[in-house]
Amino acid sequence: MRTYINKPILIVSLSRYSDETGTAPSETPVKLQWLETGTHLDGKKVLVIDEVDDERTTLQFTLNHLYETHPETEFAAFVVHNKLKEKKGTLPEKLSHFFTGEDIHDYWINYAWDAEDINQFGK
């Protein structure tokens, strides 16, 4: 995204899978990386980007937490892949815009950044 967006990029990382195999979803997303304390977002317009909207639980968790800690910020969300299935999570009513890149069927996506063997994608 850095190639196309000429603005500061802050990264958060969550996991919905808490077991060692990475296959059993947890009830609450686990924060792997979050914004540093004191990150100044108040009064700004922030686009939250997620690679896949599966059950919408991590997106809901992220947006709700961001609204709690930055109530004066205008948030919009973009998901690259939107799975065409019933969602367990909901989007906050305060969300200014919601965009999707591609609607897809419900199948597992192997993103390059999730690979244990980076060479598998070079073939």
PDB file of N, CA and C in Angstrom:
ATOM      1  N   MET A   1       0.820  -1.189   0.000  1.00  0.00           N
ATOM      2  CA  MET A   1       0.000   0.000   0.000  1.00  0.00           C
ATOM      3  C   MET A   1       0.867   1.257   0.000  1.00  0.00           C
ATOM      4  N   ARG A   2       2.073   1.116   0.545  1.00  0.00           N
ATOM      5  CA  ARG A   2       2.961   2.266   0.623  1.00  0.00           C
ATOM      6  C   ARG A   2       3.240   2.853  -0.756  1.00  0.00           C
ATOM      7  N   THR A   3       3.199   2.050  -1.801  1.00  0.00           N
ATOM      8  CA  THR A   3       3.444   2.515  -3.163  1.00  0.00           C
ATOM      9  C   THR A   3       2.365   3.484  -3.615  1.00  0.00           C
ATOM     10  N   TYR A   4       1.152   3.280  -3.181  1.00  0.00           N
ATOM     11  CA  TYR A   4       0.016   4.048  -3.675  1.00  0.00           C
ATOM     12  C   TYR A   4      -0.479   5.134  -2.727  1.00  0.00           C
ATOM     13  N   ILE A   5      -0.146   5.025  -1.463  1.00  0.00           N
ATOM     14  CA  ILE A   5      -0.630   5.991  -0.480  1.00  0.00           C
ATOM     15  C   ILE A   5       0.560   6.797   0.026  1.00  0.00           C
ATOM     16  N   ASN A   6       0.558   8.057  -0.272  1.00  0.00           N
ATOM     17  CA  ASN A   6       1.656   8.929   0.130  1.00  0.00           C
ATOM     18  C   ASN A   6       1.317   9.639   1.445  1.00  0.00           C
ATOM     19  N   LYS A   7       1.024   8.841   2.448  1.00  0.00           N
ATOM     20  CA  LYS A   7       0.681   9.335   3.788  1.00  0.00           C
ATOM     21  C   LYS A   7       1.372   8.426   4.797  1.00  0.00           C
ATOM     22  N   PRO A   8       1.479   8.877   6.048  1.00  0.00           N
ATOM     23  CA  PRO A   8       2.045   7.992   7.069  1.00  0.00           C
ATOM     24  C   PRO A   8       1.216   6.714   7.200  1.00  0.00           C
ATOM     25  N   ILE A   9       1.890   5.598   7.382  1.00  0.00           N
ATOM     26  CA  ILE A   9       1.208   4.312   7.539  1.00  0.00           C
ATOM     27  C   ILE A   9       1.558   3.742   8.913  1.00  0.00           C
ATOM     28  N   LEU A  10       0.533   3.454   9.691  1.00  0.00           N
ATOM     29  CA  LEU A  10       0.690   2.826  10.992  1.00  0.00           C
ATOM     30  C   LEU A  10       0.108   1.429  10.886  1.00  0.00           C
ATOM     31  N   ILE A  11       0.750   0.482  11.512  1.00  0.00           N
ATOM     32  CA  ILE A  11       0.329  -0.910  11.348  1.00  0.00           C
ATOM     33  C   ILE A  11      -0.089  -1.515  12.674  1.00  0.00           C
ATOM     34  N   VAL A  12      -1.234  -2.192  12.640  1.00  0.00           N
ATOM     35  CA  VAL A  12      -1.652  -3.035  13.753  1.00  0.00           C
ATOM     36  C   VAL A  12      -1.764  -4.453  13.200  1.00  0.00           C
ATOM     37  N   SER A  13      -1.580  -5.395  14.066  1.00  0.00           N
ATOM     38  CA  SER A  13      -1.675  -6.785  13.640  1.00  0.00           C
ATOM     39  C   SER A  13      -2.451  -7.565  14.694  1.00  0.00           C
ATOM     40  N   LEU A  14      -3.459  -8.280  14.231  1.00  0.00           N
ATOM     41  CA  LEU A  14      -4.298  -9.098  15.109  1.00  0.00           C
ATOM     42  C   LEU A  14      -4.313 -10.524  14.595  1.00  0.00           C
ATOM     43  N   SER A  15      -4.623 -11.431  15.478  1.00  0.00           N
ATOM     44  CA  SER A  15      -4.809 -12.820  15.074  1.00  0.00           C
ATOM     45  C   SER A  15      -6.124 -13.311  15.636  1.00  0.00           C
ATOM     46  N   ARG A  16      -6.848 -14.046  14.829  1.00  0.00           N
ATOM     47  CA  ARG A  16      -8.089 -14.682  15.294  1.00  0.00           C
ATOM     48  C   ARG A  16      -7.823 -16.118  15.719  1.00  0.00           C
ATOM     49  N   TYR A  17      -6.592 -16.573  15.552  1.00  0.00           N
ATOM     50  CA  TYR A  17      -6.263 -17.968  15.825  1.00  0.00           C
ATOM     51  C   TYR A  17      -5.228 -18.016  16.930  1.00  0.00           C
ATOM     52  N   SER A  18      -5.600 -18.614  18.041  1.00  0.00           N
ATOM     53  CA  SER A  18      -4.725 -18.590  19.208  1.00  0.00           C
ATOM     54  C   SER A  18      -4.006 -19.912  19.459  1.00  0.00           C
ATOM     55  N   ASP A  19      -4.316 -20.949  18.707  1.00  0.00           N
ATOM     56  CA  ASP A  19      -3.658 -22.226  18.953  1.00  0.00           C
ATOM     57  C   ASP A  19      -2.390 -22.333  18.106  1.00  0.00           C
ATOM     58  N   GLU A  20      -1.587 -23.350  18.386  1.00  0.00           N
ATOM     59  CA  GLU A  20      -0.314 -23.526  17.677  1.00  0.00           C
ATOM     60  C   GLU A  20      -0.478 -23.868  16.198  1.00  0.00           C
ATOM     61  N   THR A  21      -1.583 -24.490  15.840  1.00  0.00           N
ATOM     62  CA  THR A  21      -1.775 -24.863  14.438  1.00  0.00           C
ATOM     63  C   THR A  21      -2.325 -23.707  13.616  1.00  0.00           C
ATOM     64  N   GLY A  22      -2.847 -22.674  14.290  1.00  0.00           N
ATOM     65  CA  GLY A  22      -3.403 -21.528  13.570  1.00  0.00           C
ATOM     66  C   GLY A  22      -4.718 -21.834  12.893  1.00  0.00           C
ATOM     67  N   THR A  23      -5.468 -22.792  13.445  1.00  0.00           N
ATOM     68  CA  THR A  23      -6.724 -23.188  12.806  1.00  0.00           C
ATOM     69  C   THR A  23      -7.948 -23.028  13.706  1.00  0.00           C
ATOM     70  N   ALA A  24      -7.746 -22.866  15.017  1.00  0.00           N
ATOM     71  CA  ALA A  24      -8.877 -22.751  15.937  1.00  0.00           C
ATOM     72  C   ALA A  24      -9.099 -21.284  16.293  1.00  0.00           C
ATOM     73  N   PRO A  25     -10.195 -20.685  15.797  1.00  0.00           N
ATOM     74  CA  PRO A  25     -10.426 -19.271  16.083  1.00  0.00           C
ATOM     75  C   PRO A  25     -10.700 -19.018  17.560  1.00  0.00           C
ATOM     76  N   SER A  26     -10.173 -17.915  18.071  1.00  0.00           N
ATOM     77  CA  SER A  26     -10.449 -17.519  19.445  1.00  0.00           C
ATOM     78  C   SER A  26     -11.672 -16.605  19.444  1.00  0.00           C
ATOM     79  N   GLU A  27     -12.304 -16.474  20.587  1.00  0.00           N
ATOM     80  CA  GLU A  27     -13.493 -15.628  20.697  1.00  0.00           C
ATOM     81  C   GLU A  27     -13.148 -14.153  20.492  1.00  0.00           C
ATOM     82  N   THR A  28     -12.014 -13.745  21.042  1.00  0.00           N
ATOM     83  CA  THR A  28     -11.576 -12.357  20.938  1.00  0.00           C
ATOM     84  C   THR A  28     -10.259 -12.312  20.177  1.00  0.00           C
ATOM     85  N   PRO A  29     -10.122 -11.409  19.222  1.00  0.00           N
ATOM     86  CA  PRO A  29      -8.845 -11.291  18.519  1.00  0.00           C
ATOM     87  C   PRO A  29      -7.701 -10.995  19.483  1.00  0.00           C
ATOM     88  N   VAL A  30      -6.533 -11.488  19.153  1.00  0.00           N
ATOM     89  CA  VAL A  30      -5.339 -11.288  19.959  1.00  0.00           C
ATOM     90  C   VAL A  30      -4.484 -10.214  19.293  1.00  0.00           C
ATOM     91  N   LYS A  31      -4.095  -9.195  20.061  1.00  0.00           N
ATOM     92  CA  LYS A  31      -3.237  -8.139  19.524  1.00  0.00           C
ATOM     93  C   LYS A  31      -1.806  -8.667  19.406  1.00  0.00           C
ATOM     94  N   LEU A  32      -1.271  -8.643  18.212  1.00  0.00           N
ATOM     95  CA  LEU A  32       0.124  -9.009  17.997  1.00  0.00           C
ATOM     96  C   LEU A  32       0.993  -7.751  17.930  1.00  0.00           C
ATOM     97  N   GLN A  33       0.459  -6.704  17.326  1.00  0.00           N
ATOM     98  CA  GLN A  33       1.132  -5.410  17.231  1.00  0.00           C
ATOM     99  C   GLN A  33       0.044  -4.344  17.258  1.00  0.00           C
ATOM    100  N   TRP A  34       0.256  -3.286  18.067  1.00  0.00           N
ATOM    101  CA  TRP A  34      -0.750  -2.244  18.170  1.00  0.00           C
ATOM    102  C   TRP A  34      -0.070  -0.887  18.126  1.00  0.00           C
ATOM    103  N   LEU A  35      -0.875   0.165  18.041  1.00  0.00           N
ATOM    104  CA  LEU A  35      -0.341   1.527  17.981  1.00  0.00           C
ATOM    105  C   LEU A  35       0.360   1.871  19.287  1.00  0.00           C
ATOM    106  N   GLU A  36       1.442   2.613  19.178  1.00  0.00           N
ATOM    107  CA  GLU A  36       2.159   3.051  20.364  1.00  0.00           C
ATOM    108  C   GLU A  36       1.295   4.030  21.154  1.00  0.00           C
ATOM    109  N   THR A  37       1.448   4.022  22.455  1.00  0.00           N
ATOM    110  CA  THR A  37       0.748   4.967  23.303  1.00  0.00           C
ATOM    111  C   THR A  37       1.149   6.377  22.889  1.00  0.00           C
ATOM    112  N   GLY A  38       0.181   7.252  22.772  1.00  0.00           N
ATOM    113  CA  GLY A  38       0.477   8.626  22.388  1.00  0.00           C
ATOM    114  C   GLY A  38       0.406   8.871  20.890  1.00  0.00           C
ATOM    115  N   THR A  39       0.067   7.842  20.109  1.00  0.00           N
ATOM    116  CA  THR A  39      -0.090   8.032  18.673  1.00  0.00           C
ATOM    117  C   THR A  39      -1.190   9.058  18.452  1.00  0.00           C
ATOM    118  N   HIS A  40      -0.867  10.116  17.723  1.00  0.00           N
ATOM    119  CA  HIS A  40      -1.813  11.223  17.560  1.00  0.00           C
ATOM    120  C   HIS A  40      -2.679  11.014  16.316  1.00  0.00           C
ATOM    121  N   LEU A  41      -3.914  10.593  16.534  1.00  0.00           N
ATOM    122  CA  LEU A  41      -4.873  10.420  15.449  1.00  0.00           C
ATOM    123  C   LEU A  41      -6.072  11.353  15.586  1.00  0.00           C
ATOM    124  N   ASP A  42      -6.220  11.971  16.754  1.00  0.00           N
ATOM    125  CA  ASP A  42      -7.402  12.784  17.015  1.00  0.00           C
ATOM    126  C   ASP A  42      -7.556  13.901  15.997  1.00  0.00           C
ATOM    127  N   GLY A  43      -8.785  14.021  15.475  1.00  0.00           N
ATOM    128  CA  GLY A  43      -9.104  15.073  14.527  1.00  0.00           C
ATOM    129  C   GLY A  43      -8.659  14.791  13.108  1.00  0.00           C
ATOM    130  N   LYS A  44      -8.112  13.615  12.857  1.00  0.00           N
ATOM    131  CA  LYS A  44      -7.639  13.272  11.517  1.00  0.00           C
ATOM    132  C   LYS A  44      -8.625  12.337  10.829  1.00  0.00           C
ATOM    133  N   LYS A  45      -8.390  12.107   9.543  1.00  0.00           N
ATOM    134  CA  LYS A  45      -9.144  11.120   8.777  1.00  0.00           C
ATOM    135  C   LYS A  45      -8.217   9.928   8.569  1.00  0.00           C
ATOM    136  N   VAL A  46      -8.672   8.753   9.016  1.00  0.00           N
ATOM    137  CA  VAL A  46      -7.833   7.559   9.003  1.00  0.00           C
ATOM    138  C   VAL A  46      -8.525   6.449   8.220  1.00  0.00           C
ATOM    139  N   LEU A  47      -7.787   5.843   7.311  1.00  0.00           N
ATOM    140  CA  LEU A  47      -8.276   4.691   6.556  1.00  0.00           C
ATOM    141  C   LEU A  47      -7.691   3.431   7.163  1.00  0.00           C
ATOM    142  N   VAL A  48      -8.555   2.541   7.616  1.00  0.00           N
ATOM    143  CA  VAL A  48      -8.139   1.249   8.163  1.00  0.00           C
ATOM    144  C   VAL A  48      -8.233   0.238   7.029  1.00  0.00           C
ATOM    145  N   ILE A  49      -7.142  -0.477   6.768  1.00  0.00           N
ATOM    146  CA  ILE A  49      -7.101  -1.444   5.668  1.00  0.00           C
ATOM    147  C   ILE A  49      -6.922  -2.835   6.241  1.00  0.00           C
ATOM    148  N   ASP A  50      -7.742  -3.763   5.757  1.00  0.00           N
ATOM    149  CA  ASP A  50      -7.655  -5.164   6.171  1.00  0.00           C
ATOM    150  C   ASP A  50      -7.576  -6.009   4.911  1.00  0.00           C
ATOM    151  N   GLU A  51      -6.741  -7.044   4.937  1.00  0.00           N
ATOM    152  CA  GLU A  51      -6.589  -7.841   3.721  1.00  0.00           C
ATOM    153  C   GLU A  51      -7.823  -8.675   3.405  1.00  0.00           C
ATOM    154  N   VAL A  52      -8.509  -9.173   4.446  1.00  0.00           N
ATOM    155  CA  VAL A  52      -9.677 -10.013   4.176  1.00  0.00           C
ATOM    156  C   VAL A  52     -10.751  -9.787   5.240  1.00  0.00           C
ATOM    157  N   ASP A  53     -11.992  -9.649   4.790  1.00  0.00           N
ATOM    158  CA  ASP A  53     -13.140  -9.552   5.684  1.00  0.00           C
ATOM    159  C   ASP A  53     -13.821 -10.904   5.644  1.00  0.00           C
ATOM    160  N   ASP A  54     -13.470 -11.736   6.617  1.00  0.00           N
ATOM    161  CA  ASP A  54     -14.002 -13.089   6.683  1.00  0.00           C
ATOM    162  C   ASP A  54     -15.273 -13.071   7.536  1.00  0.00           C
ATOM    163  N   GLU A  55     -15.110 -13.033   8.844  1.00  0.00           N
ATOM    164  CA  GLU A  55     -16.265 -12.995   9.754  1.00  0.00           C
ATOM    165  C   GLU A  55     -16.527 -11.584  10.281  1.00  0.00           C
ATOM    166  N   ARG A  56     -15.646 -10.663   9.974  1.00  0.00           N
ATOM    167  CA  ARG A  56     -15.706  -9.255  10.351  1.00  0.00           C
ATOM    168  C   ARG A  56     -15.399  -9.025  11.828  1.00  0.00           C
ATOM    169  N   THR A  57     -14.993 -10.029  12.555  1.00  0.00           N
ATOM    170  CA  THR A  57     -14.733  -9.866  13.980  1.00  0.00           C
ATOM    171  C   THR A  57     -13.470  -9.057  14.257  1.00  0.00           C
ATOM    172  N   THR A  58     -12.402  -9.261  13.496  1.00  0.00           N
ATOM    173  CA  THR A  58     -11.179  -8.485  13.744  1.00  0.00           C
ATOM    174  C   THR A  58     -11.365  -7.033  13.317  1.00  0.00           C
ATOM    175  N   LEU A  59     -12.088  -6.800  12.236  1.00  0.00           N
ATOM    176  CA  LEU A  59     -12.340  -5.428  11.797  1.00  0.00           C
ATOM    177  C   LEU A  59     -13.209  -4.697  12.821  1.00  0.00           C
ATOM    178  N   GLN A  60     -14.223  -5.361  13.331  1.00  0.00           N
ATOM    179  CA  GLN A  60     -15.072  -4.768  14.373  1.00  0.00           C
ATOM    180  C   GLN A  60     -14.235  -4.459  15.611  1.00  0.00           C
ATOM    181  N   PHE A  61     -13.424  -5.403  16.058  1.00  0.00           N
ATOM    182  CA  PHE A  61     -12.569  -5.226  17.232  1.00  0.00           C
ATOM    183  C   PHE A  61     -11.644  -4.022  17.040  1.00  0.00           C
ATOM    184  N   THR A  62     -10.994  -3.960  15.885  1.00  0.00           N
ATOM    185  CA  THR A  62     -10.046  -2.878  15.607  1.00  0.00           C
ATOM    186  C   THR A  62     -10.746  -1.518  15.608  1.00  0.00           C
ATOM    187  N   LEU A  63     -11.823  -1.407  14.855  1.00  0.00           N
ATOM    188  CA  LEU A  63     -12.517  -0.127  14.758  1.00  0.00           C
ATOM    189  C   LEU A  63     -13.095   0.309  16.103  1.00  0.00           C
ATOM    190  N   ASN A  64     -13.707  -0.605  16.829  1.00  0.00           N
ATOM    191  CA  ASN A  64     -14.264  -0.243  18.134  1.00  0.00           C
ATOM    192  C   ASN A  64     -13.175   0.246  19.079  1.00  0.00           C
ATOM    193  N   HIS A  65     -12.043  -0.440  19.080  1.00  0.00           N
ATOM    194  CA  HIS A  65     -10.935  -0.037  19.951  1.00  0.00           C
ATOM    195  C   HIS A  65     -10.382   1.332  19.526  1.00  0.00           C
ATOM    196  N   LEU A  66     -10.265   1.549  18.221  1.00  0.00           N
ATOM    197  CA  LEU A  66      -9.777   2.844  17.732  1.00  0.00           C
ATOM    198  C   LEU A  66     -10.748   3.965  18.084  1.00  0.00           C
ATOM    199  N   TYR A  67     -12.040   3.728  17.952  1.00  0.00           N
ATOM    200  CA  TYR A  67     -13.029   4.748  18.330  1.00  0.00           C
ATOM    201  C   TYR A  67     -12.976   5.047  19.826  1.00  0.00           C
ATOM    202  N   GLU A  68     -12.743   4.022  20.644  1.00  0.00           N
ATOM    203  CA  GLU A  68     -12.654   4.227  22.093  1.00  0.00           C
ATOM    204  C   GLU A  68     -11.461   5.101  22.456  1.00  0.00           C
ATOM    205  N   THR A  69     -10.337   4.877  21.799  1.00  0.00           N
ATOM    206  CA  THR A  69      -9.116   5.603  22.150  1.00  0.00           C
ATOM    207  C   THR A  69      -8.932   6.892  21.361  1.00  0.00           C
ATOM    208  N   HIS A  70      -9.676   7.056  20.269  1.00  0.00           N
ATOM    209  CA  HIS A  70      -9.556   8.255  19.426  1.00  0.00           C
ATOM    210  C   HIS A  70     -10.954   8.703  18.973  1.00  0.00           C
ATOM    211  N   PRO A  71     -11.782   9.169  19.902  1.00  0.00           N
ATOM    212  CA  PRO A  71     -13.179   9.493  19.574  1.00  0.00           C
ATOM    213  C   PRO A  71     -13.356  10.669  18.614  1.00  0.00           C
ATOM    214  N   GLU A  72     -12.358  11.507  18.462  1.00  0.00           N
ATOM    215  CA  GLU A  72     -12.474  12.671  17.582  1.00  0.00           C
ATOM    216  C   GLU A  72     -11.927  12.401  16.182  1.00  0.00           C
ATOM    217  N   THR A  73     -11.662  11.148  15.881  1.00  0.00           N
ATOM    218  CA  THR A  73     -11.086  10.779  14.596  1.00  0.00           C
ATOM    219  C   THR A  73     -12.165  10.243  13.665  1.00  0.00           C
ATOM    220  N   GLU A  74     -12.046  10.567  12.380  1.00  0.00           N
ATOM    221  CA  GLU A  74     -12.965  10.038  11.375  1.00  0.00           C
ATOM    222  C   GLU A  74     -12.303   8.818  10.734  1.00  0.00           C
ATOM    223  N   PHE A  75     -12.938   7.659  10.891  1.00  0.00           N
ATOM    224  CA  PHE A  75     -12.397   6.421  10.358  1.00  0.00           C
ATOM    225  C   PHE A  75     -13.211   5.940   9.160  1.00  0.00           C
ATOM    226  N   ALA A  76     -12.513   5.399   8.178  1.00  0.00           N
ATOM    227  CA  ALA A  76     -13.107   4.684   7.055  1.00  0.00           C
ATOM    228  C   ALA A  76     -12.384   3.347   6.993  1.00  0.00           C
ATOM    229  N   ALA A  77     -12.963   2.374   6.317  1.00  0.00           N
ATOM    230  CA  ALA A  77     -12.326   1.058   6.227  1.00  0.00           C
ATOM    231  C   ALA A  77     -12.346   0.552   4.792  1.00  0.00           C
ATOM    232  N   PHE A  78     -11.279  -0.160   4.437  1.00  0.00           N
ATOM    233  CA  PHE A  78     -11.146  -0.798   3.127  1.00  0.00           C
ATOM    234  C   PHE A  78     -10.681  -2.221   3.345  1.00  0.00           C
ATOM    235  N   VAL A  79     -11.362  -3.185   2.731  1.00  0.00           N
ATOM    236  CA  VAL A  79     -10.906  -4.568   2.761  1.00  0.00           C
ATOM    237  C   VAL A  79     -10.574  -4.985   1.328  1.00  0.00           C
ATOM    238  N   VAL A  80      -9.442  -5.645   1.183  1.00  0.00           N
ATOM    239  CA  VAL A  80      -8.994  -6.077  -0.145  1.00  0.00           C
ATOM    240  C   VAL A  80      -9.903  -7.188  -0.657  1.00  0.00           C
ATOM    241  N   HIS A  81     -10.122  -8.210   0.181  1.00  0.00           N
ATOM    242  CA  HIS A  81     -10.976  -9.341  -0.190  1.00  0.00           C
ATOM    243  C   HIS A  81     -12.136  -9.438   0.790  1.00  0.00           C
ATOM    244  N   ASN A  82     -13.344  -9.333   0.275  1.00  0.00           N
ATOM    245  CA  ASN A  82     -14.549  -9.462   1.078  1.00  0.00           C
ATOM    246  C   ASN A  82     -15.180 -10.819   0.794  1.00  0.00           C
ATOM    247  N   LYS A  83     -15.182 -11.695   1.806  1.00  0.00           N
ATOM    248  CA  LYS A  83     -15.792 -13.012   1.619  1.00  0.00           C
ATOM    249  C   LYS A  83     -17.312 -12.892   1.642  1.00  0.00           C
ATOM    250  N   LEU A  84     -17.936 -13.482   0.633  1.00  0.00           N
ATOM    251  CA  LEU A  84     -19.395 -13.444   0.505  1.00  0.00           C
ATOM    252  C   LEU A  84     -20.010 -14.495   1.429  1.00  0.00           C
ATOM    253  N   LYS A  85     -20.201 -14.097   2.671  1.00  0.00           N
ATOM    254  CA  LYS A  85     -20.773 -14.983   3.676  1.00  0.00           C
ATOM    255  C   LYS A  85     -21.348 -14.137   4.793  1.00  0.00           C
ATOM    256  N   GLU A  86     -22.141 -14.768   5.643  1.00  0.00           N
ATOM    257  CA  GLU A  86     -22.715 -14.066   6.781  1.00  0.00           C
ATOM    258  C   GLU A  86     -21.602 -13.643   7.730  1.00  0.00           C
ATOM    259  N   LYS A  87     -21.676 -12.421   8.206  1.00  0.00           N
ATOM    260  CA  LYS A  87     -20.654 -11.871   9.102  1.00  0.00           C
ATOM    261  C   LYS A  87     -21.107 -11.972  10.549  1.00  0.00           C
ATOM    262  N   LYS A  88     -20.175 -12.293  11.439  1.00  0.00           N
ATOM    263  CA  LYS A  88     -20.468 -12.331  12.872  1.00  0.00           C
ATOM    264  C   LYS A  88     -20.302 -10.958  13.498  1.00  0.00           C
ATOM    265  N   GLY A  89     -19.381 -10.171  12.973  1.00  0.00           N
ATOM    266  CA  GLY A  89     -19.136  -8.832  13.488  1.00  0.00           C
ATOM    267  C   GLY A  89     -19.932  -7.795  12.729  1.00  0.00           C
ATOM    268  N   THR A  90     -19.985  -6.594  13.294  1.00  0.00           N
ATOM    269  CA  THR A  90     -20.683  -5.491  12.649  1.00  0.00           C
ATOM    270  C   THR A  90     -19.746  -4.294  12.552  1.00  0.00           C
ATOM    271  N   LEU A  91     -20.042  -3.424  11.604  1.00  0.00           N
ATOM    272  CA  LEU A  91     -19.278  -2.187  11.452  1.00  0.00           C
ATOM    273  C   LEU A  91     -19.909  -1.113  12.320  1.00  0.00           C
ATOM    274  N   PRO A  92     -19.091  -0.297  12.966  1.00  0.00           N
ATOM    275  CA  PRO A  92     -19.656   0.783  13.787  1.00  0.00           C
ATOM    276  C   PRO A  92     -20.472   1.757  12.937  1.00  0.00           C
ATOM    277  N   GLU A  93     -21.566   2.247  13.484  1.00  0.00           N
ATOM    278  CA  GLU A  93     -22.410   3.205  12.762  1.00  0.00           C
ATOM    279  C   GLU A  93     -21.654   4.484  12.439  1.00  0.00           C
ATOM    280  N   LYS A  94     -20.672   4.829  13.269  1.00  0.00           N
ATOM    281  CA  LYS A  94     -19.881   6.038  13.085  1.00  0.00           C
ATOM    282  C   LYS A  94     -18.937   5.969  11.880  1.00  0.00           C
ATOM    283  N   LEU A  95     -18.710   4.783  11.343  1.00  0.00           N
ATOM    284  CA  LEU A  95     -17.759   4.608  10.246  1.00  0.00           C
ATOM    285  C   LEU A  95     -18.174   5.466   9.053  1.00  0.00           C
ATOM    286  N   SER A  96     -17.257   6.296   8.562  1.00  0.00           N
ATOM    287  CA  SER A  96     -17.636   7.236   7.503  1.00  0.00           C
ATOM    288  C   SER A  96     -17.814   6.556   6.142  1.00  0.00           C
ATOM    289  N   HIS A  97     -16.951   5.595   5.808  1.00  0.00           N
ATOM    290  CA  HIS A  97     -17.041   4.882   4.529  1.00  0.00           C
ATOM    291  C   HIS A  97     -16.526   3.457   4.699  1.00  0.00           C
ATOM    292  N   PHE A  98     -17.064   2.558   3.886  1.00  0.00           N
ATOM    293  CA  PHE A  98     -16.586   1.171   3.855  1.00  0.00           C
ATOM    294  C   PHE A  98     -16.433   0.769   2.395  1.00  0.00           C
ATOM    295  N   PHE A  99     -15.217   0.359   2.025  1.00  0.00           N
ATOM    296  CA  PHE A  99     -14.902  -0.002   0.650  1.00  0.00           C
ATOM    297  C   PHE A  99     -14.410  -1.442   0.590  1.00  0.00           C
ATOM    298  N   THR A 100     -14.704  -2.113  -0.515  1.00  0.00           N
ATOM    299  CA  THR A 100     -14.162  -3.453  -0.734  1.00  0.00           C
ATOM    300  C   THR A 100     -13.465  -3.487  -2.088  1.00  0.00           C
ATOM    301  N   GLY A 101     -12.388  -4.262  -2.149  1.00  0.00           N
ATOM    302  CA  GLY A 101     -11.664  -4.402  -3.403  1.00  0.00           C
ATOM    303  C   GLY A 101     -12.278  -5.467  -4.289  1.00  0.00           C
ATOM    304  N   GLU A 102     -12.465  -6.658  -3.733  1.00  0.00           N
ATOM    305  CA  GLU A 102     -12.989  -7.778  -4.518  1.00  0.00           C
ATOM    306  C   GLU A 102     -13.854  -8.659  -3.624  1.00  0.00           C
ATOM    307  N   ASP A 103     -15.060  -8.973  -4.088  1.00  0.00           N
ATOM    308  CA  ASP A 103     -15.912  -9.937  -3.399  1.00  0.00           C
ATOM    309  C   ASP A 103     -15.518 -11.327  -3.856  1.00  0.00           C
ATOM    310  N   ILE A 104     -15.289 -12.229  -2.901  1.00  0.00           N
ATOM    311  CA  ILE A 104     -14.844 -13.585  -3.230  1.00  0.00           C
ATOM    312  C   ILE A 104     -15.690 -14.604  -2.481  1.00  0.00           C
ATOM    313  N   HIS A 105     -15.644 -15.844  -2.949  1.00  0.00           N
ATOM    314  CA  HIS A 105     -16.299 -16.943  -2.245  1.00  0.00           C
ATOM    315  C   HIS A 105     -15.514 -17.256  -0.981  1.00  0.00           C
ATOM    316  N   ASP A 106     -16.114 -18.026  -0.112  1.00  0.00           N
ATOM    317  CA  ASP A 106     -15.507 -18.356   1.173  1.00  0.00           C
ATOM    318  C   ASP A 106     -14.489 -19.482   1.011  1.00  0.00           C
ATOM    319  N   TYR A 107     -13.251 -19.120   0.744  1.00  0.00           N
ATOM    320  CA  TYR A 107     -12.159 -20.094   0.694  1.00  0.00           C
ATOM    321  C   TYR A 107     -10.940 -19.487   1.358  1.00  0.00           C
ATOM    322  N   TRP A 108     -10.007 -20.334   1.766  1.00  0.00           N
ATOM    323  CA  TRP A 108      -8.803 -19.893   2.460  1.00  0.00           C
ATOM    324  C   TRP A 108      -7.855 -19.226   1.468  1.00  0.00           C
ATOM    325  N   ILE A 109      -7.290 -18.089   1.866  1.00  0.00           N
ATOM    326  CA  ILE A 109      -6.351 -17.364   1.023  1.00  0.00           C
ATOM    327  C   ILE A 109      -4.966 -17.471   1.649  1.00  0.00           C
ATOM    328  N   ASN A 110      -3.987 -17.898   0.874  1.00  0.00           N
ATOM    329  CA  ASN A 110      -2.605 -17.945   1.340  1.00  0.00           C
ATOM    330  C   ASN A 110      -1.889 -16.680   0.875  1.00  0.00           C
ATOM    331  N   TYR A 111      -1.809 -15.694   1.771  1.00  0.00           N
ATOM    332  CA  TYR A 111      -1.100 -14.462   1.451  1.00  0.00           C
ATOM    333  C   TYR A 111       0.398 -14.691   1.604  1.00  0.00           C
ATOM    334  N   ALA A 112       1.176 -14.018   0.801  1.00  0.00           N
ATOM    335  CA  ALA A 112       2.636 -14.201   0.821  1.00  0.00           C
ATOM    336  C   ALA A 112       3.227 -13.887   2.195  1.00  0.00           C
ATOM    337  N   TRP A 113       2.692 -12.885   2.892  1.00  0.00           N
ATOM    338  CA  TRP A 113       3.256 -12.508   4.186  1.00  0.00           C
ATOM    339  C   TRP A 113       2.940 -13.510   5.284  1.00  0.00           C
ATOM    340  N   ASP A 114       2.067 -14.467   5.021  1.00  0.00           N
ATOM    341  CA  ASP A 114       1.772 -15.521   5.994  1.00  0.00           C
ATOM    342  C   ASP A 114       2.584 -16.789   5.743  1.00  0.00           C
ATOM    343  N   ALA A 115       3.394 -16.795   4.714  1.00  0.00           N
ATOM    344  CA  ALA A 115       4.132 -18.005   4.335  1.00  0.00           C
ATOM    345  C   ALA A 115       5.217 -18.330   5.342  1.00  0.00           C
ATOM    346  N   GLU A 116       5.348 -19.611   5.656  1.00  0.00           N
ATOM    347  CA  GLU A 116       6.465 -20.059   6.471  1.00  0.00           C
ATOM    348  C   GLU A 116       7.699 -20.256   5.604  1.00  0.00           C
ATOM    349  N   ASP A 117       7.485 -20.573   4.337  1.00  0.00           N
ATOM    350  CA  ASP A 117       8.571 -20.762   3.376  1.00  0.00           C
ATOM    351  C   ASP A 117       8.372 -19.753   2.249  1.00  0.00           C
ATOM    352  N   ILE A 118       9.106 -18.656   2.296  1.00  0.00           N
ATOM    353  CA  ILE A 118       8.921 -17.588   1.328  1.00  0.00           C
ATOM    354  C   ILE A 118       9.225 -18.048  -0.104  1.00  0.00           C
ATOM    355  N   ASN A 119      10.014 -19.087  -0.252  1.00  0.00           N
ATOM    356  CA  ASN A 119      10.359 -19.594  -1.584  1.00  0.00           C
ATOM    357  C   ASN A 119       9.180 -20.259  -2.284  1.00  0.00           C
ATOM    358  N   GLN A 120       8.139 -20.664  -1.550  1.00  0.00           N
ATOM    359  CA  GLN A 120       6.997 -21.315  -2.175  1.00  0.00           C
ATOM    360  C   GLN A 120       6.270 -20.373  -3.137  1.00  0.00           C
ATOM    361  N   PHE A 121       6.418 -19.045  -2.956  1.00  0.00           N
ATOM    362  CA  PHE A 121       5.725 -18.094  -3.815  1.00  0.00           C
ATOM    363  C   PHE A 121       6.561 -17.682  -5.024  1.00  0.00           C
ATOM    364  N   GLY A 122       7.806 -18.104  -5.079  1.00  0.00           N
ATOM    365  CA  GLY A 122       8.664 -17.734  -6.192  1.00  0.00           C
ATOM    366  C   GLY A 122       8.654 -18.748  -7.321  1.00  0.00           C
ATOM    367  N   LYS A 123       7.831 -19.766  -7.222  1.00  0.00           N
ATOM    368  CA  LYS A 123       7.821 -20.848  -8.214  1.00  0.00           C
ATOM    369  C   LYS A 123       6.779 -20.625  -9.262  1.00  0.00           C
TER     370      LYS A 123
END
